[in-house]
Amino acid sequence: MQINGGVRFCEPGMKASIRAMHVQSEILGMINENVAGFDKVGYQRKEPVVSAFTEYIGIHGLSNTVDDQVGRIMVSKNPLDISMANKGYFQIQTPQGVQLTRDGRFKLDREGNLLNLEDCKVLSDAGMPIKLPVVPDNPAQVIVNSKGKISVFDKNSNQLVDAGYLGIVDANGMAVLSPDVKQGYNEYSNVTLQNEFLAVKPVVRNFEANRQIFLIESTNLQKVISQLGSAN
């Protein structure tokens, strides 16, 4: 007869606790990012998405989705600040390619190109950079209607000259027909601080619960190792 002895340690139990704490930490990071973006123009809150396999694969099963609801629209003193009362995105030409943004804080260069704050060109509905045919003396001479049509006052002819339409699209790149553009307004984030603070509580509770489980398992393991050592 042969008797086999030893310690059987349930490693997946501690691993599961560590994975769960890691996931909760990442979710808490998203919530903190939303809170930090509360006063940012054009910021859209992130919503964590936890897949059914996150319990086994950890943060690799965690993703996020963007809340595309319209944020808080407030009056601006700059006539080149543009916002949208409906869902949609401005198209910006960047060194990394075309990017979408809700931040409509624009400006003009000396040549009449419409730029964002990072000096990237704003694109029209034809996919081309918007350049005004006449460089205005005052930004207030630029008129943008609710459909995103840009016109500029020509003092030589005393008439408005069309400069094209803003290239406003949805998240899939399809043109938005009724963006309800508002000139002289900024759109701040769609984050509600009260909801973000309420979302923190269950995340912290889950983290603490998994932390306690980890500590209990760790303590029990130390006791077993200590008893085996004293037995020798």
Protein backbone atom coordinates (compact mmCIF):
# COMPACT_ATOMS: atom_id res chain seq x y z
CA MET A 1 0.00 0.00 0.00
CA GLN A 2 1.22 3.47 -0.88
CA ILE A 3 -0.06 6.62 0.83
CA ASN A 4 0.31 9.89 -1.04
CA GLY A 5 0.21 13.09 0.99
CA GLY A 6 0.62 16.74 0.21
CA VAL A 7 -0.97 20.17 0.07
CA ARG A 8 -3.65 20.86 -2.52
CA PHE A 9 -3.80 24.61 -3.11
CA CYS A 10 -6.73 26.00 -5.11
CA GLU A 11 -4.74 28.50 -7.17
CA PRO A 12 -7.66 29.55 -9.42
CA GLY A 13 -9.44 30.94 -6.35
CA MET A 14 -6.76 33.56 -5.66
CA LYS A 15 -6.33 34.21 -9.34
CA ALA A 16 -10.04 34.89 -9.70
CA SER A 17 -9.89 37.43 -6.87
CA ILE A 18 -6.91 39.19 -8.42
CA ARG A 19 -8.57 39.27 -11.84
CA ALA A 20 -11.76 40.66 -10.33
CA MET A 21 -9.87 43.40 -8.48
CA HIS A 22 -8.02 44.28 -11.68
CA VAL A 23 -11.31 44.57 -13.59
CA GLN A 24 -12.89 46.74 -10.90
CA SER A 25 -9.81 48.99 -10.91
CA GLU A 26 -10.14 49.47 -14.68
CA ILE A 27 -13.85 50.29 -14.35
CA LEU A 28 -13.04 52.79 -11.61
CA GLY A 29 -10.49 54.35 -13.96
CA MET A 30 -13.19 54.87 -16.60
CA ILE A 31 -15.44 56.53 -14.04
CA ASN A 32 -12.60 58.80 -12.92
CA GLU A 33 -11.96 59.72 -16.55
CA ASN A 34 -15.63 60.66 -16.95
CA VAL A 35 -15.48 62.85 -13.86
CA ALA A 36 -12.30 64.52 -15.12
CA GLY A 37 -13.99 65.18 -18.47
CA PHE A 38 -17.05 66.83 -16.95
CA ASP A 39 -16.00 70.37 -17.97
CA LYS A 40 -14.32 69.41 -21.26
CA VAL A 41 -15.85 70.66 -24.49
CA GLY A 42 -16.99 67.81 -26.73
CA TYR A 43 -16.17 65.04 -24.24
CA GLN A 44 -18.45 61.99 -24.37
CA ARG A 45 -18.66 59.72 -21.35
CA LYS A 46 -17.42 56.14 -21.48
CA GLU A 47 -19.63 53.27 -20.41
CA PRO A 48 -17.84 50.07 -19.29
CA VAL A 49 -18.96 46.87 -20.99
CA VAL A 50 -18.25 43.62 -19.12
CA SER A 51 -18.45 40.47 -21.23
CA ALA A 52 -19.66 37.09 -19.98
CA PHE A 53 -16.07 35.74 -20.00
CA THR A 54 -14.49 38.53 -17.96
CA GLU A 55 -14.55 36.25 -14.90
CA TYR A 56 -12.10 33.93 -16.66
CA ILE A 57 -10.03 36.25 -18.87
CA GLY A 58 -9.91 39.36 -16.68
CA ILE A 59 -9.55 42.81 -18.23
CA HIS A 60 -9.33 41.27 -21.71
CA GLY A 61 -13.08 40.80 -21.44
CA LEU A 62 -13.63 44.44 -20.47
CA SER A 63 -14.32 47.10 -23.06
CA ASN A 64 -16.19 50.38 -23.23
CA THR A 65 -18.74 52.11 -25.37
CA VAL A 66 -19.17 55.84 -25.96
CA ASP A 67 -22.35 57.53 -24.83
CA ASP A 68 -23.32 59.63 -27.87
CA GLN A 69 -26.06 61.63 -26.16
CA VAL A 70 -25.82 65.38 -26.65
CA GLY A 71 -24.08 67.20 -23.82
CA ARG A 72 -24.66 70.56 -22.17
CA ILE A 73 -24.83 73.38 -24.74
CA MET A 74 -23.77 76.80 -23.48
CA VAL A 75 -23.37 80.22 -25.07
CA SER A 76 -19.91 81.23 -26.20
CA LYS A 77 -18.52 84.67 -27.04
CA ASN A 78 -16.66 83.29 -30.07
CA PRO A 79 -18.71 83.24 -33.32
CA LEU A 80 -16.49 80.42 -34.60
CA ASP A 81 -17.55 78.12 -31.77
CA ILE A 82 -19.95 75.62 -33.31
CA SER A 83 -22.07 72.97 -31.59
CA MET A 84 -24.78 70.51 -32.61
CA ALA A 85 -28.09 69.96 -30.86
CA ASN A 86 -28.38 66.53 -32.49
CA LYS A 87 -26.06 63.54 -32.63
CA GLY A 88 -23.13 63.77 -35.03
CA TYR A 89 -19.44 64.56 -35.37
CA PHE A 90 -17.26 67.11 -37.13
CA GLN A 91 -14.55 65.68 -39.40
CA ILE A 92 -11.00 66.87 -38.77
CA GLN A 93 -7.96 66.17 -40.96
CA THR A 94 -5.09 65.16 -38.66
CA PRO A 95 -1.62 63.72 -39.35
CA GLN A 96 -3.07 60.33 -38.30
CA GLY A 97 -5.97 60.63 -40.75
CA VAL A 98 -9.55 61.82 -40.50
CA GLN A 99 -10.88 61.94 -36.94
CA LEU A 100 -14.33 62.64 -35.53
CA THR A 101 -15.00 65.10 -32.75
CA ARG A 102 -17.81 66.97 -31.01
CA ASP A 103 -15.42 69.80 -30.11
CA GLY A 104 -16.45 72.66 -32.39
CA ARG A 105 -14.06 75.34 -31.18
CA PHE A 106 -12.75 76.55 -34.53
CA LYS A 107 -10.57 79.38 -35.77
CA LEU A 108 -9.28 80.86 -39.04
CA ASP A 109 -5.72 81.20 -40.27
CA ARG A 110 -4.44 84.03 -42.46
CA GLU A 111 -5.41 82.18 -45.62
CA GLY A 112 -8.99 81.60 -44.52
CA ASN A 113 -8.66 77.92 -43.62
CA LEU A 114 -11.03 76.71 -40.91
CA LEU A 115 -8.99 75.00 -38.20
CA ASN A 116 -9.58 73.42 -34.80
CA LEU A 117 -7.57 74.34 -31.70
CA GLU A 118 -4.78 71.93 -32.71
CA ASP A 119 -4.44 73.64 -36.14
CA CYS A 120 -5.97 70.67 -37.96
CA LYS A 121 -8.17 71.48 -40.95
CA VAL A 122 -11.93 71.10 -40.68
CA LEU A 123 -13.44 69.08 -43.53
CA SER A 124 -16.50 69.85 -45.61
CA ASP A 125 -19.29 67.47 -46.62
CA ALA A 126 -17.22 66.77 -49.75
CA GLY A 127 -14.28 65.60 -47.64
CA MET A 128 -12.13 68.61 -48.51
CA PRO A 129 -10.64 71.19 -46.11
CA ILE A 130 -12.89 74.21 -45.70
CA LYS A 131 -11.32 77.44 -46.95
CA LEU A 132 -13.25 80.68 -46.99
CA PRO A 133 -13.23 82.51 -50.36
CA VAL A 134 -12.90 85.77 -48.46
CA VAL A 135 -10.82 86.27 -45.33
CA PRO A 136 -13.03 88.30 -42.97
CA ASP A 137 -11.81 91.20 -40.88
CA ASN A 138 -13.96 89.98 -38.00
CA PRO A 139 -15.00 86.37 -37.18
CA ALA A 140 -18.53 87.69 -36.69
CA GLN A 141 -18.69 88.07 -40.48
CA VAL A 142 -18.79 84.28 -40.76
CA ILE A 143 -22.33 82.88 -40.72
CA VAL A 144 -23.19 79.21 -40.12
CA ASN A 145 -26.80 78.08 -40.46
CA SER A 146 -28.53 75.16 -38.75
CA LYS A 147 -27.59 72.73 -41.55
CA GLY A 148 -23.90 73.58 -41.32
CA LYS A 149 -23.73 75.86 -44.35
CA ILE A 150 -20.88 78.36 -44.00
CA SER A 151 -21.07 81.82 -45.54
CA VAL A 152 -18.82 84.83 -45.20
CA PHE A 153 -19.59 88.50 -45.73
CA ASP A 154 -17.71 90.07 -48.66
CA LYS A 155 -17.35 93.78 -47.95
CA ASN A 156 -16.48 94.47 -51.60
CA SER A 157 -19.80 93.17 -52.90
CA ASN A 158 -21.77 93.63 -49.65
CA GLN A 159 -23.04 90.06 -50.03
CA LEU A 160 -22.68 86.71 -48.33
CA VAL A 161 -20.44 84.28 -50.20
CA ASP A 162 -20.92 80.55 -49.65
CA ALA A 163 -17.93 78.51 -48.46
CA GLY A 164 -19.54 75.05 -48.32
CA TYR A 165 -21.06 72.83 -45.66
CA LEU A 166 -19.48 71.37 -42.56
CA GLY A 167 -18.84 67.64 -42.97
CA ILE A 168 -21.03 66.32 -40.16
CA VAL A 169 -21.36 62.53 -39.94
CA ASP A 170 -22.47 59.86 -37.49
CA ALA A 171 -20.21 57.32 -35.81
CA ASN A 172 -20.35 55.14 -38.94
CA GLY A 173 -19.30 57.95 -41.27
CA MET A 174 -22.75 58.52 -42.74
CA ALA A 175 -23.84 62.11 -43.34
CA VAL A 176 -26.18 63.65 -40.78
CA LEU A 177 -28.94 65.47 -42.65
CA SER A 178 -30.31 67.49 -39.72
CA PRO A 179 -27.44 68.27 -37.31
CA ASP A 180 -29.16 71.40 -35.93
CA VAL A 181 -25.94 73.40 -35.88
CA LYS A 182 -25.73 76.29 -33.43
CA GLN A 183 -23.21 79.07 -34.00
CA GLY A 184 -21.71 80.78 -30.99
CA TYR A 185 -22.25 77.83 -28.65
CA ASN A 186 -20.02 75.22 -27.01
CA GLU A 187 -21.10 71.70 -26.14
CA TYR A 188 -19.69 70.50 -22.87
CA SER A 189 -19.60 66.86 -21.78
CA ASN A 190 -22.66 64.68 -21.37
CA VAL A 191 -21.37 63.49 -17.99
CA THR A 192 -23.71 63.68 -14.99
CA LEU A 193 -21.58 63.84 -11.86
CA GLN A 194 -24.31 62.44 -9.63
CA ASN A 195 -24.61 59.30 -11.77
CA GLU A 196 -20.85 58.83 -11.86
CA PHE A 197 -20.56 59.10 -8.07
CA LEU A 198 -23.39 56.59 -7.63
CA ALA A 199 -21.66 54.22 -10.06
CA VAL A 200 -18.53 54.23 -7.90
CA LYS A 201 -20.19 52.58 -4.89
CA PRO A 202 -20.88 49.09 -6.32
CA VAL A 203 -17.44 49.05 -7.96
CA VAL A 204 -15.71 49.80 -4.66
CA ARG A 205 -17.87 47.22 -2.83
CA ASN A 206 -16.98 44.53 -5.37
CA PHE A 207 -13.30 45.41 -5.10
CA GLU A 208 -13.37 45.21 -1.30
CA ALA A 209 -15.26 41.89 -1.36
CA ASN A 210 -12.67 40.32 -3.66
CA ARG A 211 -9.88 41.83 -1.59
CA GLN A 212 -11.28 40.21 1.56
CA ILE A 213 -11.56 36.84 -0.21
CA PHE A 214 -7.96 37.16 -1.36
CA LEU A 215 -6.78 37.98 2.18
CA ILE A 216 -8.70 35.03 3.66
CA GLU A 217 -7.24 32.62 1.11
CA SER A 218 -3.76 34.04 1.64
CA THR A 219 -4.07 33.74 5.43
CA ASN A 220 -5.27 30.15 5.21
CA LEU A 221 -2.41 29.24 2.91
CA GLN A 222 0.10 30.77 5.33
CA LYS A 223 -1.37 28.74 8.19
CA VAL A 224 -1.11 25.50 6.21
CA ILE A 225 2.49 26.19 5.26
CA SER A 226 3.33 27.11 8.86
CA GLN A 227 1.74 23.91 10.23
CA LEU A 228 3.55 21.75 7.68
CA GLY A 229 6.81 23.42 8.60
CA SER A 230 6.29 22.83 12.33
CA ALA A 231 5.36 19.20 11.71
CA ASN A 232 8.80 18.53 10.30
